[in-house]
Amino acid sequence: MFLKKNWRLIIILIVASVVLGLITFVNHYYFRTYALDLGAYTNAAYKYAHLDLASNDVFISEYQPMLGGHFDLYLIFFSPLIYFFGSYTLLIVQWCFILIGGLGVYKLFQNWFSNKTLSLCSIAYFFSFYGVFSAVSFDYHSVVVASSLVPWFFLFIRKNQLITASIVFTFCLFAQENVALGMTFISSGLAFLHRKEKKKALVLLILTGWSICYFLIVLKIVIPFFNPTDSYTGFHYSVMGDDITGFLINLFQNPFQAFKILFINHSNDPFFDGIKKETWLMLSISGGFLLFRKPIYLWMLIPILFQKLYHDSPIMWSVNYQYSIEFAPILTIGIFDVIATIKNLKISSLVSNLAVVLAIVCTIHLMDNTIFMYDKDRLRIYDAKHYQREFPIKKAYKLLELIPKNASVSAQSAFVPHLSCRDKIYQFPIIKDAEFIILSPKDNYYPIDSTQFFYIADSLYHSNLWITLIKDENFIVYRRKTIH
């Protein structure tokens, strides 16, 4: 009976799980996950699972606790799963939560409007949104998990399950400090939407205050405690000021200039022209223009837009990577809330389906061609190249098996996630006390260029400190002569 009644929902969930799985798990199997970020996060989770304080040793030469960068508690919560799923752990967690997030969207609209077509289209839209695809194609990020919980927060608020909603809300804050800022606008926006329900509005205002306090405490006290500089070093919005205070002063003193910066290339490098334009077009074509019918959802998007478009790095402005995932729940909920106001059911159904189609169109554009350079092989599950690599995969795994599980390793970025469940793993060219070095001349040389890569590799080959185990066109493996 359940299957017969919900077969459309089940098909959507199955298709989403397969498509997203073919992206994230295939990428990892074919070495398209990297030291930044999956390698570093998996190593952090491994250390937490072994009751050790995680650090940024994977990609920084000097010791720095990971909590001194982003205050991410999810890695601690999920760390026990490392014992079961190894290097795939965080990818499995992220994949599961995206599916849970989509289910939350469906349940929200079923509870809200009891419109089957609207509910099915809303979950299809969520899974089709380009921000979900761009995020799942690039390693793991705790903000994806938090974003997937937002629809459930909306649902529990609607169902008047305020304690459960508060727990979900608080868990969202633990993703990292900037999520707390985003949740402040979401809870205050919901307080406005439920302003006629005094108890609910009061709880939402309390949650707003709680998220502001959490954000400030983490920013001003907790992160500086773990950071060697005794300060928060994650502020990268120099176009708006030197710190948050300067940002706010500039925002209110020069509102027209601040508004203009949201649309222009403020890097002074013409190479990055058009990136913000593409982001605005993708958001609009995905249905974002409908939010002008209910501007409170635009209010909820303000911190996401500011964090993205004022950032010093043009990468952040783009539609690629994980930097658009936070749009997914708010756009989905806002767009279909607006569509639900259409009284004519046929027109409502038509617009609902059109929204899904437009979301798919934008995702196809993401896979096909975007302004900012991006490895499309990560996304194109329909292309044979997605299931290939420049070097022989089977041989790569055999090489990894040669390295003892307790050995310290320096590895090229693509190998780091697969070797991250150990005490010491470094992204080459960081070597430190590594006992093994594993490289591939055919892979990306980040964070150095090809000249530096081959110079260092050649120096190691001629060094008296290292034994060359393998050196061919595909792989280079060194072992330290004296094991420390």
Protein backbone atom coordinates (compact mmCIF):
# COMPACT_ATOMS: atom_id res chain seq x y z
CA MET A 1 0.00 0.00 0.00
CA PHE A 2 2.81 2.41 0.93
CA LEU A 3 4.71 1.65 -2.29
CA LYS A 4 1.61 2.07 -4.41
CA LYS A 5 0.73 5.36 -2.75
CA ASN A 6 4.25 6.85 -2.81
CA TRP A 7 5.83 5.32 -5.92
CA ARG A 8 6.61 8.73 -7.47
CA LEU A 9 8.40 9.87 -4.33
CA ILE A 10 10.35 6.61 -4.17
CA ILE A 11 11.41 6.93 -7.82
CA ILE A 12 12.64 10.50 -7.22
CA LEU A 13 14.64 9.38 -4.17
CA ILE A 14 16.14 6.41 -6.03
CA VAL A 15 17.09 8.50 -9.07
CA ALA A 16 18.60 11.21 -6.85
CA SER A 17 20.56 8.69 -4.77
CA VAL A 18 21.96 7.01 -7.89
CA VAL A 19 22.85 10.23 -9.75
CA LEU A 20 24.45 11.91 -6.72
CA GLY A 21 26.18 8.66 -5.81
CA LEU A 22 27.62 8.36 -9.31
CA ILE A 23 29.15 11.78 -8.79
CA THR A 24 30.55 11.66 -5.28
CA PHE A 25 31.58 8.00 -4.90
CA VAL A 26 32.89 7.62 -8.45
CA ASN A 27 34.93 10.81 -8.05
CA HIS A 28 36.55 9.40 -4.93
CA TYR A 29 37.22 6.00 -6.46
CA TYR A 30 38.86 7.66 -9.47
CA PHE A 31 41.02 9.96 -7.33
CA ARG A 32 39.05 13.16 -7.99
CA THR A 33 38.84 14.08 -4.33
CA TYR A 34 41.69 16.05 -2.89
CA ALA A 35 43.73 17.05 0.14
CA LEU A 36 41.65 20.20 0.27
CA ASP A 37 39.11 19.48 1.42
CA LEU A 38 38.28 15.79 1.82
CA GLY A 39 41.78 14.70 2.81
CA ALA A 40 42.09 17.29 5.56
CA TYR A 41 38.57 16.70 6.88
CA THR A 42 38.88 12.91 6.84
CA ASN A 43 42.20 13.09 8.67
CA ALA A 44 40.57 15.41 11.21
CA ALA A 45 37.71 12.95 11.73
CA TYR A 46 40.25 10.12 12.07
CA LYS A 47 42.10 12.02 14.78
CA TYR A 48 38.89 12.91 16.62
CA ALA A 49 37.90 9.23 16.47
CA HIS A 50 41.19 8.45 18.21
CA LEU A 51 40.58 11.17 20.83
CA ASP A 52 43.22 13.47 19.38
CA LEU A 53 42.88 17.18 18.56
CA ALA A 54 42.80 17.57 14.77
CA SER A 55 45.18 20.01 13.13
CA ASN A 56 45.80 21.49 9.70
CA ASP A 57 49.10 19.60 9.30
CA VAL A 58 47.80 18.07 6.09
CA PHE A 59 48.22 21.34 4.19
CA ILE A 60 50.03 23.75 6.55
CA SER A 61 53.66 23.33 7.61
CA GLU A 62 53.16 24.95 11.00
CA TYR A 63 50.97 23.35 13.64
CA GLN A 64 47.47 24.83 13.83
CA PRO A 65 44.40 23.18 15.38
CA MET A 66 41.66 22.78 12.79
CA LEU A 67 39.18 24.44 15.12
CA GLY A 68 41.28 27.59 14.82
CA GLY A 69 40.16 27.94 11.19
CA HIS A 70 36.51 26.94 11.00
CA PHE A 71 34.77 25.86 14.19
CA ASP A 72 33.32 22.67 12.72
CA LEU A 73 31.91 20.23 15.28
CA TYR A 74 30.34 17.89 12.73
CA LEU A 75 33.69 16.21 12.14
CA ILE A 76 33.68 15.24 15.81
CA PHE A 77 30.09 13.95 15.69
CA PHE A 78 30.68 11.85 12.58
CA SER A 79 34.18 10.66 13.48
CA PRO A 80 33.18 7.22 14.91
CA LEU A 81 31.94 6.27 11.43
CA ILE A 82 35.58 6.34 10.28
CA TYR A 83 36.00 2.87 11.82
CA PHE A 84 33.36 1.49 9.44
CA PHE A 85 33.67 3.45 6.19
CA GLY A 86 37.27 4.71 6.13
CA SER A 87 38.04 7.36 3.53
CA TYR A 88 34.46 7.22 2.17
CA THR A 89 32.95 8.21 5.54
CA LEU A 90 32.27 11.90 5.03
CA LEU A 91 31.10 11.39 1.45
CA ILE A 92 28.54 8.85 2.65
CA VAL A 93 27.42 11.24 5.40
CA GLN A 94 27.02 14.11 2.94
CA TRP A 95 25.15 11.93 0.40
CA CYS A 96 22.75 10.67 3.07
CA PHE A 97 22.01 14.13 4.40
CA ILE A 98 21.25 15.54 0.96
CA LEU A 99 18.70 12.76 0.48
CA ILE A 100 17.32 13.48 3.96
CA GLY A 101 17.13 17.18 3.05
CA GLY A 102 15.10 16.43 -0.06
CA LEU A 103 12.73 14.26 1.96
CA GLY A 104 12.37 17.14 4.42
CA VAL A 105 11.32 19.44 1.58
CA TYR A 106 8.69 16.94 0.46
CA LYS A 107 7.29 16.48 3.97
CA LEU A 108 7.24 20.23 4.55
CA PHE A 109 5.03 20.92 1.54
CA GLN A 110 2.84 17.91 2.21
CA ASN A 111 2.20 19.26 5.68
CA TRP A 112 1.90 22.83 4.48
CA PHE A 113 -0.38 22.56 1.46
CA SER A 114 -1.28 18.85 1.08
CA ASN A 115 -0.68 19.21 -2.65
CA LYS A 116 0.93 16.07 -4.07
CA THR A 117 2.15 17.66 -7.29
CA LEU A 118 3.63 20.64 -5.46
CA SER A 119 5.36 18.37 -2.94
CA LEU A 120 6.82 16.08 -5.59
CA CYS A 121 8.02 18.99 -7.68
CA SER A 122 9.60 20.64 -4.65
CA ILE A 123 11.76 17.61 -3.84
CA ALA A 124 12.62 17.16 -7.53
CA TYR A 125 13.64 20.83 -7.67
CA PHE A 126 15.81 20.49 -4.56
CA PHE A 127 17.69 17.52 -6.01
CA SER A 128 17.98 19.19 -9.44
CA PHE A 129 19.28 22.54 -8.16
CA TYR A 130 22.74 23.30 -9.53
CA GLY A 131 24.12 24.12 -6.06
CA VAL A 132 23.51 20.55 -4.92
CA PHE A 133 25.39 19.15 -7.92
CA SER A 134 28.30 21.57 -7.61
CA ALA A 135 28.67 20.78 -3.90
CA VAL A 136 28.50 17.01 -4.20
CA SER A 137 31.06 17.09 -7.05
CA PHE A 138 33.67 18.70 -4.82
CA ASP A 139 34.60 16.63 -1.78
CA TYR A 140 32.79 17.00 1.58
CA HIS A 141 31.70 20.15 3.43
CA SER A 142 29.79 20.40 6.68
CA VAL A 143 27.76 23.32 5.34
CA VAL A 144 26.07 20.82 2.97
CA VAL A 145 24.88 18.81 5.96
CA ALA A 146 23.58 21.92 7.72
CA SER A 147 21.82 23.14 4.57
CA SER A 148 20.10 19.76 4.25
CA LEU A 149 18.67 20.16 7.75
CA VAL A 150 17.09 23.56 7.06
CA PRO A 151 13.88 22.11 5.49
CA TRP A 152 13.40 20.00 8.63
CA PHE A 153 13.73 23.11 10.77
CA PHE A 154 10.97 24.74 8.70
CA LEU A 155 8.86 21.58 9.01
CA PHE A 156 9.15 21.29 12.80
CA ILE A 157 8.33 24.99 13.18
CA ARG A 158 5.21 24.53 11.04
CA LYS A 159 4.16 21.48 13.06
CA ASN A 160 4.69 23.45 16.26
CA GLN A 161 7.32 20.96 17.45
CA LEU A 162 9.37 23.77 18.90
CA ILE A 163 11.76 21.73 21.04
CA THR A 164 12.68 19.48 18.11
CA ALA A 165 13.02 22.55 15.89
CA SER A 166 15.35 24.16 18.44
CA ILE A 167 17.52 21.03 18.55
CA VAL A 168 17.79 20.92 14.75
CA PHE A 169 18.51 24.66 14.69
CA THR A 170 21.30 24.30 17.24
CA PHE A 171 22.78 21.35 15.39
CA CYS A 172 22.91 23.50 12.25
CA LEU A 173 24.99 26.08 14.13
CA PHE A 174 27.65 23.47 14.84
CA ALA A 175 28.56 23.14 11.13
CA GLN A 176 30.77 26.23 11.24
CA GLU A 177 30.59 29.84 12.32
CA ASN A 178 29.22 31.32 9.07
CA VAL A 179 26.25 28.92 9.18
CA ALA A 180 25.27 30.51 12.48
CA LEU A 181 25.10 33.87 10.73
CA GLY A 182 22.87 32.38 8.03
CA MET A 183 20.58 30.74 10.57
CA THR A 184 20.12 34.13 12.25
CA PHE A 185 18.42 35.47 9.12
CA ILE A 186 16.42 32.29 8.61
CA SER A 187 15.01 32.24 12.15
CA SER A 188 14.27 35.98 12.14
CA GLY A 189 12.58 35.60 8.74
CA LEU A 190 10.45 32.76 10.07
CA ALA A 191 9.61 34.86 13.12
CA PHE A 192 8.19 37.45 10.74
CA LEU A 193 6.22 34.82 8.81
CA HIS A 194 4.75 33.48 12.08
CA ARG A 195 4.38 36.88 13.75
CA LYS A 196 0.67 36.23 14.47
CA GLU A 197 1.54 33.08 16.45
CA LYS A 198 3.04 34.68 19.55
CA LYS A 199 4.60 31.61 21.17
CA LYS A 200 6.16 30.42 17.93
CA ALA A 201 7.40 33.90 17.02
CA LEU A 202 8.92 34.29 20.50
CA VAL A 203 10.78 30.98 20.23
CA LEU A 204 12.09 31.99 16.81
CA LEU A 205 13.31 35.32 18.16
CA ILE A 206 15.04 33.51 21.02
CA LEU A 207 16.71 31.23 18.48
CA THR A 208 17.75 34.33 16.54
CA GLY A 209 19.37 35.72 19.68
CA TRP A 210 20.98 32.36 20.41
CA SER A 211 22.52 32.15 16.92
CA ILE A 212 23.87 35.72 17.17
CA CYS A 213 25.43 34.93 20.55
CA TYR A 214 26.88 31.66 19.26
CA PHE A 215 28.31 33.42 16.20
CA LEU A 216 29.97 36.15 18.28
CA ILE A 217 31.29 33.78 20.96
CA VAL A 218 32.83 31.46 18.36
CA LEU A 219 34.24 34.37 16.36
CA LYS A 220 35.60 36.42 19.24
CA ILE A 221 36.55 33.78 21.82
CA VAL A 222 36.55 30.15 20.67
CA ILE A 223 38.37 30.37 17.32
CA PRO A 224 41.00 32.83 18.63
CA PHE A 225 41.63 30.37 21.50
CA PHE A 226 42.58 27.64 19.02
CA ASN A 227 44.25 29.92 16.46
CA PRO A 228 48.02 30.55 16.94
CA THR A 229 47.46 34.23 16.07
CA ASP A 230 44.92 34.59 18.91
CA SER A 231 42.48 36.06 16.41
CA TYR A 232 39.91 35.12 13.79
CA THR A 233 41.67 34.85 10.43
CA GLY A 234 38.67 33.88 8.31
CA PHE A 235 37.58 37.40 7.37
CA HIS A 236 38.26 37.75 3.62
CA TYR A 237 36.14 40.73 2.61
CA SER A 238 38.70 43.52 2.27
CA VAL A 239 36.56 45.35 -0.30
CA MET A 240 34.13 46.05 2.55
CA GLY A 241 36.59 46.62 5.41
CA ASP A 242 39.27 45.09 7.59
CA ASP A 243 36.92 43.26 9.94
CA ILE A 244 33.23 42.72 10.69
CA THR A 245 32.91 46.12 12.33
CA GLY A 246 34.43 47.81 9.30
CA PHE A 247 32.17 45.75 7.05
CA LEU A 248 29.03 46.97 8.82
CA ILE A 249 30.20 50.59 8.90
CA ASN A 250 30.98 50.52 5.18
CA LEU A 251 27.67 48.79 4.42
CA PHE A 252 25.61 51.50 6.11
CA GLN A 253 27.75 54.48 5.16
CA ASN A 254 28.05 53.55 1.49
CA PRO A 255 24.95 51.45 0.69
CA PHE A 256 24.91 52.26 -3.03
CA GLN A 257 28.56 51.28 -3.48
CA ALA A 258 28.01 48.13 -1.41
CA PHE A 259 25.04 47.23 -3.61
CA LYS A 260 27.08 47.84 -6.77
CA ILE A 261 29.87 45.52 -5.59
CA LEU A 262 27.39 42.63 -5.49
CA PHE A 263 27.29 42.75 -9.31
CA ILE A 264 30.75 43.82 -10.44
CA ASN A 265 34.20 42.29 -10.56
CA HIS A 266 35.94 44.01 -7.64
CA SER A 267 39.21 42.10 -8.07
CA ASN A 268 40.52 44.54 -10.72
CA ASP A 269 41.49 41.51 -12.81
CA PRO A 270 39.48 41.30 -16.08
CA PHE A 271 40.04 37.53 -16.12
CA PHE A 272 37.21 37.26 -13.58
CA ASP A 273 34.69 39.37 -15.48
CA GLY A 274 31.26 37.82 -15.79
CA ILE A 275 31.47 35.40 -12.86
CA LYS A 276 29.00 37.30 -10.68
CA LYS A 277 26.75 37.89 -13.68
CA GLU A 278 26.61 34.14 -14.26
CA THR A 279 25.72 33.51 -10.62
CA TRP A 280 22.88 36.04 -10.71
CA LEU A 281 21.59 34.58 -13.99
CA MET A 282 21.69 31.02 -12.64
CA LEU A 283 19.82 32.05 -9.49
CA SER A 284 17.23 33.96 -11.52
CA ILE A 285 16.67 31.26 -14.14
CA SER A 286 16.39 28.68 -11.35
CA GLY A 287 13.33 30.62 -10.23
CA GLY A 288 14.88 33.06 -7.81
CA PHE A 289 12.96 35.95 -9.39
CA LEU A 290 9.77 34.51 -7.87
CA LEU A 291 11.04 35.40 -4.40
CA PHE A 292 10.21 39.04 -5.09
CA ARG A 293 6.61 37.95 -4.51
CA LYS A 294 7.62 37.06 -0.93
CA PRO A 295 10.69 39.20 -0.10
CA ILE A 296 11.13 37.63 3.34
CA TYR A 297 12.94 34.79 1.58
CA LEU A 298 15.32 37.34 0.05
CA TRP A 299 16.02 38.47 3.61
CA MET A 300 17.04 34.90 4.44
CA LEU A 301 19.46 34.89 1.50
CA ILE A 302 21.27 38.11 2.47
CA PRO A 303 24.16 36.56 4.47
CA ILE A 304 24.66 33.89 1.80
CA LEU A 305 24.85 36.51 -0.97
CA PHE A 306 27.13 38.76 1.08
CA GLN A 307 29.53 35.96 2.02
CA LYS A 308 29.68 34.83 -1.57
CA LEU A 309 29.83 38.05 -3.59
CA TYR A 310 31.91 40.29 -1.31
CA HIS A 311 34.63 37.67 -0.90
CA ASP A 312 38.22 38.44 -1.91
CA SER A 313 38.47 35.21 -3.90
CA PRO A 314 36.61 35.14 -7.24
CA ILE A 315 36.22 31.37 -6.79
CA MET A 316 33.62 32.16 -4.15
CA TRP A 317 31.55 34.21 -6.61
CA SER A 318 31.20 31.31 -9.03
CA VAL A 319 28.48 28.67 -9.41
CA ASN A 320 31.06 25.92 -8.87
CA TYR A 321 32.27 24.09 -5.78
CA GLN A 322 30.23 24.08 -2.54
CA TYR A 323 29.58 27.80 -2.47
CA SER A 324 25.98 27.63 -3.73
CA ILE A 325 24.57 24.84 -1.58
CA GLU A 326 23.11 27.24 1.00
CA PHE A 327 20.80 28.66 -1.68
CA ALA A 328 19.18 25.26 -2.20
CA PRO A 329 16.79 25.00 0.78
CA ILE A 330 15.74 28.67 0.83
CA LEU A 331 15.17 28.88 -2.92
CA THR A 332 13.24 25.61 -2.92
CA ILE A 333 10.99 26.58 -0.02
CA GLY A 334 10.53 30.19 -1.16
CA ILE A 335 9.80 29.35 -4.82
CA PHE A 336 7.24 26.68 -4.04
CA ASP A 337 5.65 28.79 -1.31
CA VAL A 338 5.07 31.42 -4.00
CA ILE A 339 3.79 28.81 -6.48
CA ALA A 340 1.37 27.53 -3.82
CA THR A 341 -0.36 30.93 -3.83
CA ILE A 342 -1.55 30.28 -7.39
CA LYS A 343 -5.19 29.28 -6.91
CA ASN A 344 -5.67 27.64 -10.28
CA LEU A 345 -4.39 24.08 -9.74
CA LYS A 346 -3.58 23.49 -13.41
CA ILE A 347 -1.46 26.63 -13.61
CA SER A 348 0.14 25.83 -10.25
CA SER A 349 1.04 22.35 -11.50
CA LEU A 350 2.42 23.76 -14.74
CA VAL A 351 4.59 26.33 -12.96
CA SER A 352 5.79 23.70 -10.47
CA ASN A 353 6.98 21.45 -13.28
CA LEU A 354 8.48 24.41 -15.13
CA ALA A 355 10.52 25.31 -12.03
CA VAL A 356 11.99 21.79 -12.02
CA VAL A 357 12.78 22.02 -15.74
CA LEU A 358 14.55 25.37 -15.25
CA ALA A 359 16.55 23.93 -12.35
CA ILE A 360 17.65 21.05 -14.60
CA VAL A 361 18.57 23.50 -17.38
CA CYS A 362 20.84 25.38 -14.99
CA THR A 363 22.46 22.16 -13.81
CA ILE A 364 23.08 21.13 -17.42
CA HIS A 365 24.79 24.50 -17.92
CA LEU A 366 26.89 23.76 -14.83
CA MET A 367 27.96 20.44 -16.35
CA ASP A 368 28.44 21.86 -19.82
CA ASN A 369 30.24 25.17 -19.58
CA THR A 370 30.73 27.78 -16.87
CA ILE A 371 32.81 30.94 -16.91
CA PHE A 372 35.10 29.88 -14.09
CA MET A 373 37.42 27.00 -15.00
CA TYR A 374 36.29 23.73 -13.41
CA ASP A 375 37.02 20.04 -14.00
CA LYS A 376 33.80 18.98 -15.71
CA ASP A 377 34.81 15.32 -15.48
CA ARG A 378 33.72 15.51 -11.85
CA LEU A 379 30.14 16.21 -12.91
CA ARG A 380 29.52 14.54 -16.27
CA ILE A 381 28.27 11.12 -15.22
CA TYR A 382 27.11 10.59 -18.82
CA ASP A 383 30.67 10.99 -20.17
CA ALA A 384 33.15 8.08 -20.29
CA LYS A 385 35.88 10.41 -18.97
CA HIS A 386 34.07 10.51 -15.62
CA TYR A 387 34.99 6.84 -15.21
CA GLN A 388 38.61 7.22 -16.31
CA ARG A 389 41.82 8.76 -15.03
CA GLU A 390 45.08 9.87 -16.59
CA PHE A 391 46.93 7.12 -14.71
CA PRO A 392 46.00 3.42 -14.25
CA ILE A 393 43.59 3.16 -11.32
CA LYS A 394 44.22 -0.48 -10.39
CA LYS A 395 47.95 0.13 -10.19
CA ALA A 396 47.35 3.20 -8.04
CA TYR A 397 45.42 1.14 -5.49
CA LYS A 398 48.14 -1.52 -5.48
CA LEU A 399 50.70 1.18 -4.70
CA LEU A 400 48.59 2.45 -1.82
CA GLU A 401 48.50 -1.09 -0.40
CA LEU A 402 52.31 -1.09 -0.27
CA ILE A 403 52.31 1.74 2.26
CA PRO A 404 51.99 0.54 5.90
CA LYS A 405 48.87 1.82 7.66
CA ASN A 406 50.90 3.38 10.47
CA ALA A 407 53.46 5.07 8.20
CA SER A 408 53.66 8.83 7.80
CA VAL A 409 53.15 9.87 4.19
CA SER A 410 53.56 12.87 1.92
CA ALA A 411 51.38 12.56 -1.14
CA GLN A 412 50.12 14.47 -4.10
CA SER A 413 46.70 16.01 -3.44
CA ALA A 414 44.58 13.33 -5.17
CA PHE A 415 46.15 10.54 -3.11
CA VAL A 416 45.76 12.29 0.26
CA PRO A 417 42.07 11.43 0.91
CA HIS A 418 42.80 7.73 0.33
CA LEU A 419 45.70 7.84 2.80
CA SER A 420 44.10 10.16 5.35
CA CYS A 421 43.12 7.55 7.96
CA ARG A 422 46.48 7.72 9.69
CA ASP A 423 48.24 9.94 12.22
CA LYS A 424 50.44 11.78 9.74
CA ILE A 425 49.55 12.59 6.15
CA TYR A 426 50.87 15.66 4.31
CA GLN A 427 50.03 17.26 1.00
CA PHE A 428 53.17 17.29 -1.15
CA PRO A 429 55.47 19.30 -1.21
CA ILE A 430 55.14 19.26 2.60
CA ILE A 431 57.34 16.36 3.65
CA LYS A 432 58.34 16.84 7.31
CA ASP A 433 58.89 13.41 8.87
CA ALA A 434 57.20 11.44 6.08
CA GLU A 435 58.46 7.90 5.59
CA PHE A 436 56.90 7.54 2.13
CA ILE A 437 56.22 9.92 -0.74
CA ILE A 438 53.72 9.02 -3.47
CA LEU A 439 53.34 11.14 -6.62
CA SER A 440 51.99 11.01 -10.14
CA PRO A 441 53.55 13.11 -12.92
CA LYS A 442 50.21 12.89 -14.74
CA ASP A 443 48.11 14.48 -12.01
CA ASN A 444 47.52 18.10 -11.04
CA TYR A 445 50.56 19.59 -9.28
CA TYR A 446 48.65 21.87 -6.90
CA PRO A 447 49.71 23.72 -4.74
CA ILE A 448 52.92 24.09 -6.79
CA ASP A 449 53.51 24.34 -10.54
CA SER A 450 54.98 21.69 -12.83
CA THR A 451 58.48 23.19 -12.74
CA GLN A 452 58.62 23.08 -8.95
CA PHE A 453 57.07 19.61 -8.89
CA PHE A 454 59.67 18.01 -11.16
CA TYR A 455 62.52 19.91 -9.50
CA ILE A 456 61.59 18.58 -6.06
CA ALA A 457 60.85 15.08 -7.37
CA ASP A 458 64.24 14.99 -9.12
CA SER A 459 66.00 16.29 -6.00
CA LEU A 460 64.45 13.46 -3.97
CA TYR A 461 65.50 10.93 -6.62
CA HIS A 462 69.14 12.02 -6.33
CA SER A 463 69.04 12.41 -2.56
CA ASN A 464 70.86 9.98 -0.27
CA LEU A 465 67.92 10.11 2.14
CA TRP A 466 65.39 8.40 -0.11
CA ILE A 467 65.09 5.04 -1.86
CA THR A 468 63.19 5.01 -5.14
CA LEU A 469 60.65 2.19 -5.05
CA ILE A 470 58.83 3.11 -8.27
CA LYS A 471 59.55 5.69 -10.93
CA ASP A 472 57.74 5.58 -14.26
CA GLU A 473 55.52 7.77 -16.41
CA ASN A 474 52.54 7.24 -14.09
CA PHE A 475 53.86 7.03 -10.53
CA ILE A 476 56.77 7.92 -8.33
CA VAL A 477 57.14 6.34 -4.88
CA TYR A 478 60.00 7.07 -2.48
CA ARG A 479 60.80 5.51 0.90
CA ARG A 480 62.98 7.20 3.47
CA LYS A 481 66.17 5.25 4.11
CA THR A 482 66.15 5.88 7.82
CA ILE A 483 62.72 5.25 9.34
CA HIS A 484 62.09 7.59 12.27
